[in-house]
């Protein structure tokens, strides 16, 4: 099993775009028991990946509770870097 942050990054190489809720829904079965599997931790991982140039923001909206959702995607170079260092 990959570390959680690796799984988050790898997820973005398989989807067009996603927000933290999408990541959590996709990884819940495998990582739901991890202490770091909290929304704020996933958001922090996404923001770090963006700051490091692996992901980029695509859009944002409000969910049903009026909380901000930021969507990200792995651009071509970011996806190539992720795939180079994190194998399946």
PDB file of N, CA and C in Angstrom:
ATOM      1  N   UNK A   1       0.848  -1.178   0.000  1.00  0.00           N
ATOM      2  CA  UNK A   1       0.000   0.000   0.000  1.00  0.00           C
ATOM      3  C   UNK A   1       0.898   1.248   0.000  1.00  0.00           C
ATOM      4  N   UNK A   2       0.551   2.180  -0.853  1.00  0.00           N
ATOM      5  CA  UNK A   2       1.309   3.436  -0.959  1.00  0.00           C
ATOM      6  C   UNK A   2       1.018   4.343   0.248  1.00  0.00           C
ATOM      7  N   UNK A   3       1.950   5.235   0.575  1.00  0.00           N
ATOM      8  CA  UNK A   3       1.624   6.276   1.548  1.00  0.00           C
ATOM      9  C   UNK A   3       0.439   7.109   1.029  1.00  0.00           C
ATOM     10  N   UNK A   4      -0.336   7.664   1.928  1.00  0.00           N
ATOM     11  CA  UNK A   4      -1.539   8.405   1.558  1.00  0.00           C
ATOM     12  C   UNK A   4      -1.247   9.523   0.560  1.00  0.00           C
ATOM     13  N   UNK A   5      -0.224  10.320   0.799  1.00  0.00           N
ATOM     14  CA  UNK A   5       0.073  11.427  -0.112  1.00  0.00           C
ATOM     15  C   UNK A   5       0.406  10.923  -1.509  1.00  0.00           C
ATOM     16  N   UNK A   6       1.080   9.790  -1.608  1.00  0.00           N
ATOM     17  CA  UNK A   6       1.380   9.200  -2.916  1.00  0.00           C
ATOM     18  C   UNK A   6       0.083   8.780  -3.607  1.00  0.00           C
ATOM     19  N   UNK A   7      -0.821   8.169  -2.846  1.00  0.00           N
ATOM     20  CA  UNK A   7      -2.092   7.730  -3.417  1.00  0.00           C
ATOM     21  C   UNK A   7      -2.915   8.924  -3.908  1.00  0.00           C
ATOM     22  N   UNK A   8      -2.871  10.017  -3.163  1.00  0.00           N
ATOM     23  CA  UNK A   8      -3.582  11.234  -3.576  1.00  0.00           C
ATOM     24  C   UNK A   8      -3.019  11.733  -4.908  1.00  0.00           C
ATOM     25  N   UNK A   9      -1.706  11.830  -5.006  1.00  0.00           N
ATOM     26  CA  UNK A   9      -1.090  12.298  -6.250  1.00  0.00           C
ATOM     27  C   UNK A   9      -1.399  11.350  -7.403  1.00  0.00           C
ATOM     28  N   UNK A  10      -1.275  10.069  -7.177  1.00  0.00           N
ATOM     29  CA  UNK A  10      -1.508   9.079  -8.229  1.00  0.00           C
ATOM     30  C   UNK A  10      -2.953   9.134  -8.723  1.00  0.00           C
ATOM     31  N   UNK A  11      -3.883   9.409  -7.823  1.00  0.00           N
ATOM     32  CA  UNK A  11      -5.294   9.544  -8.188  1.00  0.00           C
ATOM     33  C   UNK A  11      -5.469  10.591  -9.282  1.00  0.00           C
ATOM     34  N   UNK A  12      -4.726  11.677  -9.195  1.00  0.00           N
ATOM     35  CA  UNK A  12      -4.868  12.762 -10.163  1.00  0.00           C
ATOM     36  C   UNK A  12      -4.322  12.420 -11.539  1.00  0.00           C
ATOM     37  N   UNK A  13      -3.572  11.346 -11.648  1.00  0.00           N
ATOM     38  CA  UNK A  13      -3.112  10.914 -12.967  1.00  0.00           C
ATOM     39  C   UNK A  13      -4.172  10.069 -13.667  1.00  0.00           C
ATOM     40  N   UNK A  14      -5.253   9.760 -12.964  1.00  0.00           N
ATOM     41  CA  UNK A  14      -6.298   8.889 -13.510  1.00  0.00           C
ATOM     42  C   UNK A  14      -7.636   9.576 -13.694  1.00  0.00           C
ATOM     43  N   UNK A  15      -7.733  10.844 -13.301  1.00  0.00           N
ATOM     44  CA  UNK A  15      -8.983  11.596 -13.447  1.00  0.00           C
ATOM     45  C   UNK A  15      -8.690  12.921 -14.149  1.00  0.00           C
ATOM     46  N   UNK A  16      -9.733  13.484 -14.734  1.00  0.00           N
ATOM     47  CA  UNK A  16      -9.570  14.762 -15.421  1.00  0.00           C
ATOM     48  C   UNK A  16      -9.387  15.906 -14.429  1.00  0.00           C
ATOM     49  N   UNK A  17     -10.204  15.919 -13.381  1.00  0.00           N
ATOM     50  CA  UNK A  17     -10.094  16.902 -12.305  1.00  0.00           C
ATOM     51  C   UNK A  17     -10.817  16.348 -11.093  1.00  0.00           C
ATOM     52  N   UNK A  18     -10.499  16.892  -9.921  1.00  0.00           N
ATOM     53  CA  UNK A  18     -11.143  16.424  -8.693  1.00  0.00           C
ATOM     54  C   UNK A  18     -10.938  17.454  -7.587  1.00  0.00           C
ATOM     55  N   UNK A  19     -11.806  17.386  -6.589  1.00  0.00           N
ATOM     56  CA  UNK A  19     -11.670  18.204  -5.387  1.00  0.00           C
ATOM     57  C   UNK A  19     -11.349  17.262  -4.218  1.00  0.00           C
ATOM     58  N   UNK A  20     -11.145  17.819  -3.046  1.00  0.00           N
ATOM     59  CA  UNK A  20     -10.795  17.013  -1.872  1.00  0.00           C
ATOM     60  C   UNK A  20     -11.877  15.970  -1.572  1.00  0.00           C
ATOM     61  N   UNK A  21     -13.145  16.334  -1.742  1.00  0.00           N
ATOM     62  CA  UNK A  21     -14.231  15.378  -1.500  1.00  0.00           C
ATOM     63  C   UNK A  21     -14.143  14.197  -2.461  1.00  0.00           C
ATOM     64  N   UNK A  22     -13.824  14.477  -3.717  1.00  0.00           N
ATOM     65  CA  UNK A  22     -13.675  13.403  -4.707  1.00  0.00           C
ATOM     66  C   UNK A  22     -12.534  12.462  -4.324  1.00  0.00           C
ATOM     67  N   UNK A  23     -11.428  13.040  -3.883  1.00  0.00           N
ATOM     68  CA  UNK A  23     -10.271  12.245  -3.466  1.00  0.00           C
ATOM     69  C   UNK A  23     -10.656  11.345  -2.295  1.00  0.00           C
ATOM     70  N   UNK A  24     -11.330  11.921  -1.317  1.00  0.00           N
ATOM     71  CA  UNK A  24     -11.710  11.154  -0.139  1.00  0.00           C
ATOM     72  C   UNK A  24     -12.683  10.030  -0.488  1.00  0.00           C
ATOM     73  N   UNK A  25     -13.625  10.298  -1.365  1.00  0.00           N
ATOM     74  CA  UNK A  25     -14.566   9.255  -1.781  1.00  0.00           C
ATOM     75  C   UNK A  25     -13.847   8.123  -2.501  1.00  0.00           C
ATOM     76  N   UNK A  26     -12.873   8.470  -3.329  1.00  0.00           N
ATOM     77  CA  UNK A  26     -12.152   7.457  -4.102  1.00  0.00           C
ATOM     78  C   UNK A  26     -11.220   6.611  -3.242  1.00  0.00           C
ATOM     79  N   UNK A  27     -10.642   7.211  -2.207  1.00  0.00           N
ATOM     80  CA  UNK A  27      -9.624   6.522  -1.405  1.00  0.00           C
ATOM     81  C   UNK A  27     -10.130   6.002  -0.059  1.00  0.00           C
ATOM     82  N   UNK A  28     -11.375   6.270   0.253  1.00  0.00           N
ATOM     83  CA  UNK A  28     -11.921   5.921   1.577  1.00  0.00           C
ATOM     84  C   UNK A  28     -11.770   4.438   1.916  1.00  0.00           C
ATOM     85  N   UNK A  29     -12.055   3.548   0.981  1.00  0.00           N
ATOM     86  CA  UNK A  29     -11.987   2.114   1.277  1.00  0.00           C
ATOM     87  C   UNK A  29     -10.593   1.673   1.707  1.00  0.00           C
ATOM     88  N   UNK A  30      -9.565   2.198   1.064  1.00  0.00           N
ATOM     89  CA  UNK A  30      -8.195   1.794   1.390  1.00  0.00           C
ATOM     90  C   UNK A  30      -7.580   2.602   2.521  1.00  0.00           C
ATOM     91  N   UNK A  31      -7.909   3.899   2.597  1.00  0.00           N
ATOM     92  CA  UNK A  31      -7.196   4.780   3.520  1.00  0.00           C
ATOM     93  C   UNK A  31      -8.075   5.378   4.617  1.00  0.00           C
ATOM     94  N   UNK A  32      -9.334   5.003   4.669  1.00  0.00           N
ATOM     95  CA  UNK A  32     -10.255   5.575   5.641  1.00  0.00           C
ATOM     96  C   UNK A  32      -9.842   5.394   7.086  1.00  0.00           C
ATOM     97  N   UNK A  33      -9.036   4.381   7.377  1.00  0.00           N
ATOM     98  CA  UNK A  33      -8.594   4.130   8.755  1.00  0.00           C
ATOM     99  C   UNK A  33      -7.320   4.908   9.117  1.00  0.00           C
ATOM    100  N   UNK A  34      -6.707   5.598   8.168  1.00  0.00           N
ATOM    101  CA  UNK A  34      -5.497   6.383   8.448  1.00  0.00           C
ATOM    102  C   UNK A  34      -5.860   7.616   9.280  1.00  0.00           C
ATOM    103  N   UNK A  35      -5.022   7.947  10.244  1.00  0.00           N
ATOM    104  CA  UNK A  35      -5.254   9.133  11.077  1.00  0.00           C
ATOM    105  C   UNK A  35      -5.236  10.406  10.233  1.00  0.00           C
ATOM    106  N   UNK A  36      -4.432  10.443   9.183  1.00  0.00           N
ATOM    107  CA  UNK A  36      -4.316  11.636   8.339  1.00  0.00           C
ATOM    108  C   UNK A  36      -5.426  11.733   7.298  1.00  0.00           C
ATOM    109  N   UNK A  37      -6.325  10.759   7.265  1.00  0.00           N
ATOM    110  CA  UNK A  37      -7.403  10.778   6.275  1.00  0.00           C
ATOM    111  C   UNK A  37      -8.537  11.660   6.767  1.00  0.00           C
ATOM    112  N   UNK A  38      -8.256  12.940   6.808  1.00  0.00           N
ATOM    113  CA  UNK A  38      -9.210  13.977   7.209  1.00  0.00           C
ATOM    114  C   UNK A  38      -9.229  15.010   6.091  1.00  0.00           C
ATOM    115  N   UNK A  39     -10.358  15.660   5.918  1.00  0.00           N
ATOM    116  CA  UNK A  39     -10.498  16.602   4.807  1.00  0.00           C
ATOM    117  C   UNK A  39      -9.425  17.682   4.836  1.00  0.00           C
ATOM    118  N   UNK A  40      -9.154  18.245   5.999  1.00  0.00           N
ATOM    119  CA  UNK A  40      -8.153  19.316   6.060  1.00  0.00           C
ATOM    120  C   UNK A  40      -6.770  18.808   5.667  1.00  0.00           C
ATOM    121  N   UNK A  41      -6.463  17.559   5.960  1.00  0.00           N
ATOM    122  CA  UNK A  41      -5.169  16.985   5.576  1.00  0.00           C
ATOM    123  C   UNK A  41      -5.095  16.755   4.069  1.00  0.00           C
ATOM    124  N   UNK A  42      -6.200  16.312   3.481  1.00  0.00           N
ATOM    125  CA  UNK A  42      -6.239  16.113   2.032  1.00  0.00           C
ATOM    126  C   UNK A  42      -6.105  17.460   1.324  1.00  0.00           C
ATOM    127  N   UNK A  43      -6.813  18.462   1.810  1.00  0.00           N
ATOM    128  CA  UNK A  43      -6.706  19.801   1.229  1.00  0.00           C
ATOM    129  C   UNK A  43      -5.267  20.301   1.325  1.00  0.00           C
ATOM    130  N   UNK A  44      -4.638  20.085   2.460  1.00  0.00           N
ATOM    131  CA  UNK A  44      -3.245  20.496   2.636  1.00  0.00           C
ATOM    132  C   UNK A  44      -2.333  19.787   1.631  1.00  0.00           C
ATOM    133  N   UNK A  45      -2.559  18.496   1.412  1.00  0.00           N
ATOM    134  CA  UNK A  45      -1.761  17.743   0.440  1.00  0.00           C
ATOM    135  C   UNK A  45      -1.966  18.288  -0.967  1.00  0.00           C
ATOM    136  N   UNK A  46      -3.205  18.644  -1.307  1.00  0.00           N
ATOM    137  CA  UNK A  46      -3.489  19.196  -2.634  1.00  0.00           C
ATOM    138  C   UNK A  46      -2.824  20.557  -2.821  1.00  0.00           C
ATOM    139  N   UNK A  47      -2.887  21.393  -1.801  1.00  0.00           N
ATOM    140  CA  UNK A  47      -2.267  22.715  -1.889  1.00  0.00           C
ATOM    141  C   UNK A  47      -0.742  22.597  -1.986  1.00  0.00           C
ATOM    142  N   UNK A  48      -0.175  21.643  -1.285  1.00  0.00           N
ATOM    143  CA  UNK A  48       1.269  21.412  -1.356  1.00  0.00           C
ATOM    144  C   UNK A  48       1.666  20.939  -2.748  1.00  0.00           C
ATOM    145  N   UNK A  49       0.877  20.019  -3.310  1.00  0.00           N
ATOM    146  CA  UNK A  49       1.156  19.528  -4.659  1.00  0.00           C
ATOM    147  C   UNK A  49       1.054  20.655  -5.678  1.00  0.00           C
ATOM    148  N   UNK A  50       0.106  21.548  -5.472  1.00  0.00           N
ATOM    149  CA  UNK A  50      -0.007  22.705  -6.374  1.00  0.00           C
ATOM    150  C   UNK A  50       1.204  23.622  -6.225  1.00  0.00           C
ATOM    151  N   UNK A  51       1.597  23.897  -4.994  1.00  0.00           N
ATOM    152  CA  UNK A  51       2.759  24.762  -4.756  1.00  0.00           C
ATOM    153  C   UNK A  51       4.035  24.173  -5.339  1.00  0.00           C
ATOM    154  N   UNK A  52       4.097  22.843  -5.406  1.00  0.00           N
ATOM    155  CA  UNK A  52       5.267  22.166  -5.961  1.00  0.00           C
ATOM    156  C   UNK A  52       5.161  21.943  -7.466  1.00  0.00           C
ATOM    157  N   UNK A  53       4.104  22.441  -8.090  1.00  0.00           N
ATOM    158  CA  UNK A  53       3.967  22.378  -9.532  1.00  0.00           C
ATOM    159  C   UNK A  53       3.455  21.069 -10.093  1.00  0.00           C
ATOM    160  N   UNK A  54       2.938  20.184  -9.245  1.00  0.00           N
ATOM    161  CA  UNK A  54       2.421  18.901  -9.725  1.00  0.00           C
ATOM    162  C   UNK A  54       0.955  18.975 -10.135  1.00  0.00           C
ATOM    163  N   UNK A  55       0.197  19.827  -9.488  1.00  0.00           N
ATOM    164  CA  UNK A  55      -1.223  20.021  -9.777  1.00  0.00           C
ATOM    165  C   UNK A  55      -1.479  21.493 -10.056  1.00  0.00           C
ATOM    166  N   UNK A  56      -2.613  21.762 -10.701  1.00  0.00           N
ATOM    167  CA  UNK A  56      -3.033  23.148 -10.892  1.00  0.00           C
ATOM    168  C   UNK A  56      -4.527  23.245 -10.636  1.00  0.00           C
ATOM    169  N   UNK A  57      -4.957  24.409 -10.148  1.00  0.00           N
ATOM    170  CA  UNK A  57      -6.376  24.644  -9.925  1.00  0.00           C
ATOM    171  C   UNK A  57      -7.074  24.743 -11.271  1.00  0.00           C
ATOM    172  N   UNK A  58      -8.285  24.160 -11.337  1.00  0.00           N
ATOM    173  CA  UNK A  58      -9.066  24.261 -12.571  1.00  0.00           C
ATOM    174  C   UNK A  58     -10.309  25.121 -12.386  1.00  0.00           C
ATOM    175  N   UNK A  59     -10.928  25.034 -11.235  1.00  0.00           N
ATOM    176  CA  UNK A  59     -12.140  25.807 -10.956  1.00  0.00           C
ATOM    177  C   UNK A  59     -12.470  25.681  -9.480  1.00  0.00           C
ATOM    178  N   UNK A  60     -13.486  26.404  -9.072  1.00  0.00           N
ATOM    179  CA  UNK A  60     -13.976  26.286  -7.696  1.00  0.00           C
ATOM    180  C   UNK A  60     -15.471  26.546  -7.686  1.00  0.00           C
ATOM    181  N   UNK A  61     -16.131  26.022  -6.651  1.00  0.00           N
ATOM    182  CA  UNK A  61     -17.553  26.249  -6.452  1.00  0.00           C
ATOM    183  C   UNK A  61     -17.879  26.061  -4.976  1.00  0.00           C
ATOM    184  N   UNK A  62     -19.161  26.134  -4.655  1.00  0.00           N
ATOM    185  CA  UNK A  62     -19.622  25.910  -3.286  1.00  0.00           C
ATOM    186  C   UNK A  62     -20.403  24.615  -3.235  1.00  0.00           C
ATOM    187  N   UNK A  63     -20.186  23.834  -2.172  1.00  0.00           N
ATOM    188  CA  UNK A  63     -20.960  22.607  -2.021  1.00  0.00           C
ATOM    189  C   UNK A  63     -22.314  22.933  -1.395  1.00  0.00           C
ATOM    190  N   UNK A  64     -23.099  21.918  -1.077  1.00  0.00           N
ATOM    191  CA  UNK A  64     -24.450  22.136  -0.546  1.00  0.00           C
ATOM    192  C   UNK A  64     -24.456  22.829   0.817  1.00  0.00           C
ATOM    193  N   UNK A  65     -23.324  22.763   1.535  1.00  0.00           N
ATOM    194  CA  UNK A  65     -23.214  23.440   2.830  1.00  0.00           C
ATOM    195  C   UNK A  65     -22.546  24.809   2.690  1.00  0.00           C
ATOM    196  N   UNK A  66     -22.405  25.275   1.461  1.00  0.00           N
ATOM    197  CA  UNK A  66     -21.743  26.549   1.148  1.00  0.00           C
ATOM    198  C   UNK A  66     -20.268  26.587   1.550  1.00  0.00           C
ATOM    199  N   UNK A  67     -19.630  25.426   1.550  1.00  0.00           N
ATOM    200  CA  UNK A  67     -18.186  25.351   1.766  1.00  0.00           C
ATOM    201  C   UNK A  67     -17.505  25.375   0.405  1.00  0.00           C
ATOM    202  N   UNK A  68     -16.388  26.051   0.340  1.00  0.00           N
ATOM    203  CA  UNK A  68     -15.639  26.174  -0.900  1.00  0.00           C
ATOM    204  C   UNK A  68     -15.035  24.836  -1.300  1.00  0.00           C
ATOM    205  N   UNK A  69     -15.198  24.475  -2.567  1.00  0.00           N
ATOM    206  CA  UNK A  69     -14.546  23.302  -3.147  1.00  0.00           C
ATOM    207  C   UNK A  69     -13.628  23.796  -4.247  1.00  0.00           C
ATOM    208  N   UNK A  70     -12.360  23.441  -4.148  1.00  0.00           N
ATOM    209  CA  UNK A  70     -11.386  23.798  -5.174  1.00  0.00           C
ATOM    210  C   UNK A  70     -11.062  22.527  -5.947  1.00  0.00           C
ATOM    211  N   UNK A  71     -11.135  22.606  -7.248  1.00  0.00           N
ATOM    212  CA  UNK A  71     -10.832  21.472  -8.123  1.00  0.00           C
ATOM    213  C   UNK A  71      -9.429  21.627  -8.691  1.00  0.00           C
ATOM    214  N   UNK A  72      -8.744  20.507  -8.799  1.00  0.00           N
ATOM    215  CA  UNK A  72      -7.368  20.473  -9.307  1.00  0.00           C
ATOM    216  C   UNK A  72      -7.272  19.445 -10.418  1.00  0.00           C
ATOM    217  N   UNK A  73      -6.209  19.575 -11.194  1.00  0.00           N
ATOM    218  CA  UNK A  73      -5.880  18.562 -12.191  1.00  0.00           C
ATOM    219  C   UNK A  73      -4.366  18.441 -12.264  1.00  0.00           C
ATOM    220  N   UNK A  74      -3.923  17.283 -12.708  1.00  0.00           N
ATOM    221  CA  UNK A  74      -2.496  17.086 -12.968  1.00  0.00           C
ATOM    222  C   UNK A  74      -2.277  17.426 -14.432  1.00  0.00           C
ATOM    223  N   UNK A  75      -1.575  18.517 -14.695  1.00  0.00           N
ATOM    224  CA  UNK A  75      -1.260  18.873 -16.077  1.00  0.00           C
ATOM    225  C   UNK A  75      -0.263  17.854 -16.633  1.00  0.00           C
ATOM    226  N   UNK A  76       0.019  17.932 -17.910  1.00  0.00           N
ATOM    227  CA  UNK A  76       0.838  16.908 -18.569  1.00  0.00           C
ATOM    228  C   UNK A  76       2.196  16.709 -17.891  1.00  0.00           C
ATOM    229  N   UNK A  77       2.888  17.778 -17.617  1.00  0.00           N
ATOM    230  CA  UNK A  77       4.204  17.668 -16.973  1.00  0.00           C
ATOM    231  C   UNK A  77       4.087  17.150 -15.542  1.00  0.00           C
ATOM    232  N   UNK A  78       3.068  17.621 -14.806  1.00  0.00           N
ATOM    233  CA  UNK A  78       2.867  17.157 -13.436  1.00  0.00           C
ATOM    234  C   UNK A  78       2.549  15.672 -13.389  1.00  0.00           C
ATOM    235  N   UNK A  79       1.674  15.223 -14.293  1.00  0.00           N
ATOM    236  CA  UNK A  79       1.324  13.801 -14.343  1.00  0.00           C
ATOM    237  C   UNK A  79       2.544  12.956 -14.697  1.00  0.00           C
ATOM    238  N   UNK A  80       3.362  13.448 -15.623  1.00  0.00           N
ATOM    239  CA  UNK A  80       4.575  12.707 -16.006  1.00  0.00           C
ATOM    240  C   UNK A  80       5.530  12.593 -14.825  1.00  0.00           C
ATOM    241  N   UNK A  81       5.669  13.656 -14.063  1.00  0.00           N
ATOM    242  CA  UNK A  81       6.546  13.632 -12.886  1.00  0.00           C
ATOM    243  C   UNK A  81       6.005  12.670 -11.835  1.00  0.00           C
ATOM    244  N   UNK A  82       4.709  12.736 -11.572  1.00  0.00           N
ATOM    245  CA  UNK A  82       4.094  11.835 -10.598  1.00  0.00           C
ATOM    246  C   UNK A  82       4.312  10.386 -11.024  1.00  0.00           C
ATOM    247  N   UNK A  83       4.048  10.082 -12.285  1.00  0.00           N
ATOM    248  CA  UNK A  83       4.183   8.711 -12.778  1.00  0.00           C
ATOM    249  C   UNK A  83       5.628   8.237 -12.800  1.00  0.00           C
ATOM    250  N   UNK A  84       6.548   9.168 -12.961  1.00  0.00           N
ATOM    251  CA  UNK A  84       7.968   8.803 -12.961  1.00  0.00           C
ATOM    252  C   UNK A  84       8.426   8.348 -11.576  1.00  0.00           C
ATOM    253  N   UNK A  85       7.919   8.991 -10.532  1.00  0.00           N
ATOM    254  CA  UNK A  85       8.383   8.705  -9.173  1.00  0.00           C
ATOM    255  C   UNK A  85       7.469   7.788  -8.370  1.00  0.00           C
ATOM    256  N   UNK A  86       6.204   7.691  -8.774  1.00  0.00           N
ATOM    257  CA  UNK A  86       5.258   6.848  -8.046  1.00  0.00           C
ATOM    258  C   UNK A  86       4.693   5.834  -9.028  1.00  0.00           C
ATOM    259  N   UNK A  87       5.077   4.588  -8.885  1.00  0.00           N
ATOM    260  CA  UNK A  87       4.598   3.548  -9.789  1.00  0.00           C
ATOM    261  C   UNK A  87       3.347   2.886  -9.222  1.00  0.00           C
ATOM    262  N   UNK A  88       2.609   2.222 -10.104  1.00  0.00           N
ATOM    263  CA  UNK A  88       1.382   1.522  -9.666  1.00  0.00           C
ATOM    264  C   UNK A  88       1.673   0.270  -8.929  1.00  0.00           C
TER     265      UNK A  88
END
